[in-house]
Amino acid sequence: MNLSRVANITIFRKVRQLETLVKPGGLLMRSCNSAQFPKSTSSLTNLNRCVLPNTNNYAKCRILSKLPAQSTVSMIQSRAASAQGDHVRLWVIERIVTASFLSLIPAALLFESKFVEIVLAAAVVMHTHWGLEAIILDYARPIVVGTLVPKVAFLLLNLVSAATLAGLLVLIYNGPGLAKTIKYGWEIGKDRRRTD
């Protein structure tokens, strides 16, 4: 109870400190170019604009020297990660693959084409791989479980993803295909109901 109270007070103080730095007439606004910010914006959006990884902004804005070292490092790391764009591109690709299921699944069931089924199999494996990768990143952190467990988990994930894709391709080329397998699965209980 007391620890949560102290944590809430500390968080409240940090937010108030950031708001006083960024509000009009505050330390940030006095040390930055006035054309850099619009006149009526929220204080936290002004902070985000000033912490961009641009050397000219760091020279103009002295906000990083006013913040504690721990929050300064975390802001720089998060900005650098998003500025590189690798994670952003991957996130966009993940959303495109997920949205493609809306057309791929019906197309595979209607047309029963090997090309559509191969694309569907690759999309399913990629989607599942990224989901399991996120689970491993969340629950097998090196700081919690050591450095060996995440490496083994990622190796197993890569092996399972490759085996799954290989199995689906074998099913498409040497078996009935994905669409017919799904349709056979739907028909399993129908024969019993008709005879009863």
C-alpha atoms as a PDB file:
ATOM      1  CA  MET A   1       0.000   0.000   0.000  1.00  0.00           C
ATOM      2  CA  ASN A   2       2.698   2.499   0.983  1.00  0.00           C
ATOM      3  CA  LEU A   3       4.906   1.510  -1.943  1.00  0.00           C
ATOM      4  CA  SER A   4       2.103   2.136  -4.432  1.00  0.00           C
ATOM      5  CA  ARG A   5       1.456   5.534  -2.844  1.00  0.00           C
ATOM      6  CA  VAL A   6       5.105   6.511  -3.133  1.00  0.00           C
ATOM      7  CA  ALA A   7       5.232   5.276  -6.736  1.00  0.00           C
ATOM      8  CA  ASN A   8       2.117   7.275  -7.629  1.00  0.00           C
ATOM      9  CA  ILE A   9       3.558  10.405  -6.038  1.00  0.00           C
ATOM     10  CA  THR A  10       6.846   9.932  -7.911  1.00  0.00           C
ATOM     11  CA  ILE A  11       5.059   9.430 -11.222  1.00  0.00           C
ATOM     12  CA  PHE A  12       2.891  12.479 -10.559  1.00  0.00           C
ATOM     13  CA  ARG A  13       5.975  14.597  -9.835  1.00  0.00           C
ATOM     14  CA  LYS A  14       7.703  13.446 -13.049  1.00  0.00           C
ATOM     15  CA  VAL A  15       4.644  14.291 -15.139  1.00  0.00           C
ATOM     16  CA  ARG A  16       4.355  17.699 -13.504  1.00  0.00           C
ATOM     17  CA  GLN A  17       8.074  18.303 -14.116  1.00  0.00           C
ATOM     18  CA  LEU A  18       7.670  17.496 -17.815  1.00  0.00           C
ATOM     19  CA  GLU A  19       4.599  19.713 -18.105  1.00  0.00           C
ATOM     20  CA  THR A  20       6.361  22.690 -16.548  1.00  0.00           C
ATOM     21  CA  LEU A  21       9.288  22.248 -18.919  1.00  0.00           C
ATOM     22  CA  VAL A  22       7.068  22.166 -21.987  1.00  0.00           C
ATOM     23  CA  LYS A  23       4.239  24.585 -21.246  1.00  0.00           C
ATOM     24  CA  PRO A  24       4.283  27.985 -22.972  1.00  0.00           C
ATOM     25  CA  GLY A  25       6.822  30.186 -21.227  1.00  0.00           C
ATOM     26  CA  GLY A  26       8.475  27.151 -19.600  1.00  0.00           C
ATOM     27  CA  LEU A  27      12.138  26.208 -19.836  1.00  0.00           C
ATOM     28  CA  LEU A  28      11.706  24.307 -23.076  1.00  0.00           C
ATOM     29  CA  MET A  29       9.868  27.083 -24.838  1.00  0.00           C
ATOM     30  CA  ARG A  30      12.436  29.662 -23.726  1.00  0.00           C
ATOM     31  CA  SER A  31      15.382  27.635 -25.032  1.00  0.00           C
ATOM     32  CA  CYS A  32      13.827  26.426 -28.294  1.00  0.00           C
ATOM     33  CA  ASN A  33      13.037  28.200 -31.496  1.00  0.00           C
ATOM     34  CA  SER A  34       9.514  29.665 -31.316  1.00  0.00           C
ATOM     35  CA  ALA A  35       8.716  28.553 -34.867  1.00  0.00           C
ATOM     36  CA  GLN A  36       9.382  24.945 -33.887  1.00  0.00           C
ATOM     37  CA  PHE A  37       6.068  24.493 -32.039  1.00  0.00           C
ATOM     38  CA  PRO A  38       2.524  25.605 -32.791  1.00  0.00           C
ATOM     39  CA  LYS A  39       1.033  27.961 -30.210  1.00  0.00           C
ATOM     40  CA  SER A  40      -1.746  25.733 -28.869  1.00  0.00           C
ATOM     41  CA  THR A  41      -0.630  22.152 -28.490  1.00  0.00           C
ATOM     42  CA  SER A  42      -0.483  19.812 -25.559  1.00  0.00           C
ATOM     43  CA  SER A  43       2.653  19.788 -23.498  1.00  0.00           C
ATOM     44  CA  LEU A  44       3.553  16.171 -24.183  1.00  0.00           C
ATOM     45  CA  THR A  45       3.403  16.623 -27.960  1.00  0.00           C
ATOM     46  CA  ASN A  46       5.875  19.492 -27.633  1.00  0.00           C
ATOM     47  CA  LEU A  47       8.190  17.199 -25.683  1.00  0.00           C
ATOM     48  CA  ASN A  48       8.018  14.551 -28.418  1.00  0.00           C
ATOM     49  CA  ARG A  49       8.894  17.101 -31.084  1.00  0.00           C
ATOM     50  CA  CYS A  50      11.906  18.296 -29.166  1.00  0.00           C
ATOM     51  CA  VAL A  51      13.399  14.881 -28.404  1.00  0.00           C
ATOM     52  CA  LEU A  52      13.744  13.814 -32.038  1.00  0.00           C
ATOM     53  CA  PRO A  53      17.223  12.448 -32.775  1.00  0.00           C
ATOM     54  CA  ASN A  54      18.444  15.473 -34.681  1.00  0.00           C
ATOM     55  CA  THR A  55      21.649  17.193 -33.621  1.00  0.00           C
ATOM     56  CA  ASN A  56      20.227  20.625 -34.446  1.00  0.00           C
ATOM     57  CA  ASN A  57      17.308  20.026 -32.094  1.00  0.00           C
ATOM     58  CA  TYR A  58      19.653  18.988 -29.294  1.00  0.00           C
ATOM     59  CA  ALA A  59      21.601  22.200 -29.712  1.00  0.00           C
ATOM     60  CA  LYS A  60      18.428  24.312 -29.611  1.00  0.00           C
ATOM     61  CA  CYS A  61      16.584  22.404 -26.903  1.00  0.00           C
ATOM     62  CA  ARG A  62      18.182  21.837 -23.549  1.00  0.00           C
ATOM     63  CA  ILE A  63      15.420  19.615 -22.200  1.00  0.00           C
ATOM     64  CA  LEU A  64      17.599  16.510 -21.941  1.00  0.00           C
ATOM     65  CA  SER A  65      19.839  18.175 -19.394  1.00  0.00           C
ATOM     66  CA  LYS A  66      16.813  19.012 -17.229  1.00  0.00           C
ATOM     67  CA  LEU A  67      15.486  15.421 -17.048  1.00  0.00           C
ATOM     68  CA  PRO A  68      16.832  12.636 -14.849  1.00  0.00           C
ATOM     69  CA  ALA A  69      19.391  10.392 -16.547  1.00  0.00           C
ATOM     70  CA  GLN A  70      17.190   7.285 -16.526  1.00  0.00           C
ATOM     71  CA  SER A  71      14.276   8.875 -18.413  1.00  0.00           C
ATOM     72  CA  THR A  72      16.684  10.578 -20.809  1.00  0.00           C
ATOM     73  CA  VAL A  73      18.241   7.284 -21.855  1.00  0.00           C
ATOM     74  CA  SER A  74      14.880   5.566 -22.312  1.00  0.00           C
ATOM     75  CA  MET A  75      13.523   8.416 -24.448  1.00  0.00           C
ATOM     76  CA  ILE A  76      16.599   8.398 -26.666  1.00  0.00           C
ATOM     77  CA  GLN A  77      16.428   4.622 -27.091  1.00  0.00           C
ATOM     78  CA  SER A  78      12.737   4.589 -27.978  1.00  0.00           C
ATOM     79  CA  ARG A  79      13.154   7.467 -30.426  1.00  0.00           C
ATOM     80  CA  ALA A  80      16.184   5.839 -32.056  1.00  0.00           C
ATOM     81  CA  ALA A  81      14.347   2.532 -32.420  1.00  0.00           C
ATOM     82  CA  SER A  82      11.342   4.143 -34.082  1.00  0.00           C
ATOM     83  CA  ALA A  83      13.470   6.470 -36.210  1.00  0.00           C
ATOM     84  CA  GLN A  84      15.305   3.575 -37.860  1.00  0.00           C
ATOM     85  CA  GLY A  85      11.990   2.289 -39.191  1.00  0.00           C
ATOM     86  CA  ASP A  86      12.803  -1.431 -39.054  1.00  0.00           C
ATOM     87  CA  HIS A  87      10.183  -2.135 -36.404  1.00  0.00           C
ATOM     88  CA  VAL A  88       7.688   0.119 -38.093  1.00  0.00           C
ATOM     89  CA  ARG A  89       8.106  -1.640 -41.435  1.00  0.00           C
ATOM     90  CA  LEU A  90       7.767  -5.037 -39.782  1.00  0.00           C
ATOM     91  CA  TRP A  91       4.616  -3.901 -37.973  1.00  0.00           C
ATOM     92  CA  VAL A  92       3.115  -2.686 -41.260  1.00  0.00           C
ATOM     93  CA  ILE A  93       3.999  -5.960 -42.994  1.00  0.00           C
ATOM     94  CA  GLU A  94       2.431  -7.924 -40.129  1.00  0.00           C
ATOM     95  CA  ARG A  95      -0.791  -5.929 -40.497  1.00  0.00           C
ATOM     96  CA  ILE A  96      -0.827  -6.433 -44.284  1.00  0.00           C
ATOM     97  CA  VAL A  97      -0.378 -10.196 -43.877  1.00  0.00           C
ATOM     98  CA  THR A  98      -3.144 -10.296 -41.267  1.00  0.00           C
ATOM     99  CA  ALA A  99      -5.510  -8.277 -43.468  1.00  0.00           C
ATOM    100  CA  SER A 100      -4.699 -10.475 -46.453  1.00  0.00           C
ATOM    101  CA  PHE A 101      -6.417 -13.394 -44.708  1.00  0.00           C
ATOM    102  CA  LEU A 102      -9.741 -11.697 -45.412  1.00  0.00           C
ATOM    103  CA  SER A 103      -9.264 -12.393 -49.107  1.00  0.00           C
ATOM    104  CA  LEU A 104      -6.856 -15.359 -49.098  1.00  0.00           C
ATOM    105  CA  ILE A 105      -9.002 -17.769 -47.085  1.00  0.00           C
ATOM    106  CA  PRO A 106     -12.168 -17.351 -49.188  1.00  0.00           C
ATOM    107  CA  ALA A 107     -10.106 -17.403 -52.399  1.00  0.00           C
ATOM    108  CA  ALA A 108      -8.392 -20.644 -51.366  1.00  0.00           C
ATOM    109  CA  LEU A 109     -11.747 -22.246 -50.515  1.00  0.00           C
ATOM    110  CA  LEU A 110     -13.462 -21.088 -53.713  1.00  0.00           C
ATOM    111  CA  PHE A 111     -10.774 -21.555 -56.361  1.00  0.00           C
ATOM    112  CA  GLU A 112      -8.722 -24.440 -54.913  1.00  0.00           C
ATOM    113  CA  SER A 113      -5.662 -23.173 -56.788  1.00  0.00           C
ATOM    114  CA  LYS A 114      -2.181 -24.371 -55.796  1.00  0.00           C
ATOM    115  CA  PHE A 115      -0.767 -20.850 -56.122  1.00  0.00           C
ATOM    116  CA  VAL A 116      -3.394 -19.370 -53.778  1.00  0.00           C
ATOM    117  CA  GLU A 117      -2.871 -22.229 -51.330  1.00  0.00           C
ATOM    118  CA  ILE A 118       0.920 -21.696 -51.346  1.00  0.00           C
ATOM    119  CA  VAL A 119       0.457 -17.994 -50.643  1.00  0.00           C
ATOM    120  CA  LEU A 120      -2.034 -18.855 -47.873  1.00  0.00           C
ATOM    121  CA  ALA A 121       0.348 -21.416 -46.362  1.00  0.00           C
ATOM    122  CA  ALA A 122       3.219 -18.904 -46.348  1.00  0.00           C
ATOM    123  CA  ALA A 123       1.003 -16.214 -44.804  1.00  0.00           C
ATOM    124  CA  VAL A 124      -0.268 -18.579 -42.089  1.00  0.00           C
ATOM    125  CA  VAL A 125       3.267 -19.658 -41.189  1.00  0.00           C
ATOM    126  CA  MET A 126       4.564 -16.063 -41.131  1.00  0.00           C
ATOM    127  CA  HIS A 127       1.616 -14.903 -39.014  1.00  0.00           C
ATOM    128  CA  THR A 128       2.069 -17.760 -36.543  1.00  0.00           C
ATOM    129  CA  HIS A 129       5.847 -17.306 -36.439  1.00  0.00           C
ATOM    130  CA  TRP A 130       5.553 -13.605 -35.604  1.00  0.00           C
ATOM    131  CA  GLY A 131       2.953 -14.292 -32.915  1.00  0.00           C
ATOM    132  CA  LEU A 132       5.061 -16.972 -31.231  1.00  0.00           C
ATOM    133  CA  GLU A 133       8.137 -14.767 -31.570  1.00  0.00           C
ATOM    134  CA  ALA A 134       6.334 -12.016 -29.673  1.00  0.00           C
ATOM    135  CA  ILE A 135       5.410 -14.497 -26.949  1.00  0.00           C
ATOM    136  CA  ILE A 136       9.035 -15.590 -26.625  1.00  0.00           C
ATOM    137  CA  LEU A 137      10.188 -11.966 -26.481  1.00  0.00           C
ATOM    138  CA  ASP A 138       7.662 -11.229 -23.738  1.00  0.00           C
ATOM    139  CA  TYR A 139       8.095 -14.304 -21.550  1.00  0.00           C
ATOM    140  CA  ALA A 140      11.643 -15.510 -22.159  1.00  0.00           C
ATOM    141  CA  ARG A 141      13.559 -12.355 -21.359  1.00  0.00           C
ATOM    142  CA  PRO A 142      17.282 -12.882 -20.820  1.00  0.00           C
ATOM    143  CA  ILE A 143      17.171 -10.841 -17.627  1.00  0.00           C
ATOM    144  CA  VAL A 144      14.611 -13.269 -16.153  1.00  0.00           C
ATOM    145  CA  VAL A 145      15.476 -16.714 -17.543  1.00  0.00           C
ATOM    146  CA  GLY A 146      19.101 -16.290 -18.595  1.00  0.00           C
ATOM    147  CA  THR A 147      20.654 -16.023 -22.033  1.00  0.00           C
ATOM    148  CA  LEU A 148      20.447 -19.678 -23.056  1.00  0.00           C
ATOM    149  CA  VAL A 149      16.665 -20.167 -22.843  1.00  0.00           C
ATOM    150  CA  PRO A 150      15.740 -17.406 -25.345  1.00  0.00           C
ATOM    151  CA  LYS A 151      18.321 -18.689 -27.845  1.00  0.00           C
ATOM    152  CA  VAL A 152      16.962 -22.241 -27.583  1.00  0.00           C
ATOM    153  CA  ALA A 153      13.369 -20.958 -27.803  1.00  0.00           C
ATOM    154  CA  PHE A 154      14.124 -18.968 -30.970  1.00  0.00           C
ATOM    155  CA  LEU A 155      15.943 -21.935 -32.509  1.00  0.00           C
ATOM    156  CA  LEU A 156      12.973 -24.203 -31.762  1.00  0.00           C
ATOM    157  CA  LEU A 157      10.589 -21.588 -33.156  1.00  0.00           C
ATOM    158  CA  ASN A 158      12.550 -21.412 -36.418  1.00  0.00           C
ATOM    159  CA  LEU A 159      12.585 -25.215 -36.679  1.00  0.00           C
ATOM    160  CA  VAL A 160       8.848 -25.491 -35.982  1.00  0.00           C
ATOM    161  CA  SER A 161       8.046 -22.748 -38.514  1.00  0.00           C
ATOM    162  CA  ALA A 162      10.188 -24.405 -41.211  1.00  0.00           C
ATOM    163  CA  ALA A 163       8.652 -27.817 -40.484  1.00  0.00           C
ATOM    164  CA  THR A 164       5.142 -26.354 -40.588  1.00  0.00           C
ATOM    165  CA  LEU A 165       5.757 -24.681 -43.945  1.00  0.00           C
ATOM    166  CA  ALA A 166       7.299 -27.881 -45.318  1.00  0.00           C
ATOM    167  CA  GLY A 167       4.321 -29.910 -44.084  1.00  0.00           C
ATOM    168  CA  LEU A 168       1.825 -27.530 -45.655  1.00  0.00           C
ATOM    169  CA  LEU A 169       3.712 -27.584 -48.963  1.00  0.00           C
ATOM    170  CA  VAL A 170       3.733 -31.397 -48.919  1.00  0.00           C
ATOM    171  CA  LEU A 171      -0.005 -31.314 -48.240  1.00  0.00           C
ATOM    172  CA  ILE A 172      -0.510 -28.947 -51.186  1.00  0.00           C
ATOM    173  CA  TYR A 173       1.701 -30.783 -53.707  1.00  0.00           C
ATOM    174  CA  ASN A 174       1.331 -34.442 -52.669  1.00  0.00           C
ATOM    175  CA  GLY A 175      -2.003 -34.407 -50.857  1.00  0.00           C
ATOM    176  CA  PRO A 176      -5.451 -33.063 -51.507  1.00  0.00           C
ATOM    177  CA  GLY A 177      -4.469 -29.435 -50.795  1.00  0.00           C
ATOM    178  CA  LEU A 178      -5.405 -27.022 -48.032  1.00  0.00           C
ATOM    179  CA  ALA A 179      -8.901 -26.214 -49.266  1.00  0.00           C
ATOM    180  CA  LYS A 180      -9.960 -29.830 -49.706  1.00  0.00           C
ATOM    181  CA  THR A 181      -8.460 -30.758 -46.333  1.00  0.00           C
ATOM    182  CA  ILE A 182     -10.497 -28.005 -44.673  1.00  0.00           C
ATOM    183  CA  LYS A 183     -13.628 -29.121 -46.535  1.00  0.00           C
ATOM    184  CA  TYR A 184     -13.010 -32.747 -45.501  1.00  0.00           C
ATOM    185  CA  GLY A 185     -12.732 -31.540 -41.908  1.00  0.00           C
ATOM    186  CA  TRP A 186     -16.114 -29.825 -42.166  1.00  0.00           C
ATOM    187  CA  GLU A 187     -17.724 -33.019 -43.510  1.00  0.00           C
ATOM    188  CA  ILE A 188     -16.497 -35.315 -40.725  1.00  0.00           C
ATOM    189  CA  GLY A 189     -19.596 -35.104 -38.529  1.00  0.00           C
ATOM    190  CA  LYS A 190     -22.155 -34.793 -41.336  1.00  0.00           C
ATOM    191  CA  ASP A 191     -22.176 -38.478 -42.304  1.00  0.00           C
ATOM    192  CA  ARG A 192     -23.070 -39.623 -38.785  1.00  0.00           C
ATOM    193  CA  ARG A 193     -25.954 -37.185 -38.498  1.00  0.00           C
ATOM    194  CA  ARG A 194     -27.457 -38.316 -41.787  1.00  0.00           C
ATOM    195  CA  THR A 195     -27.404 -42.020 -40.861  1.00  0.00           C
ATOM    196  CA  ASP A 196     -28.923 -41.474 -37.383  1.00  0.00           C
END
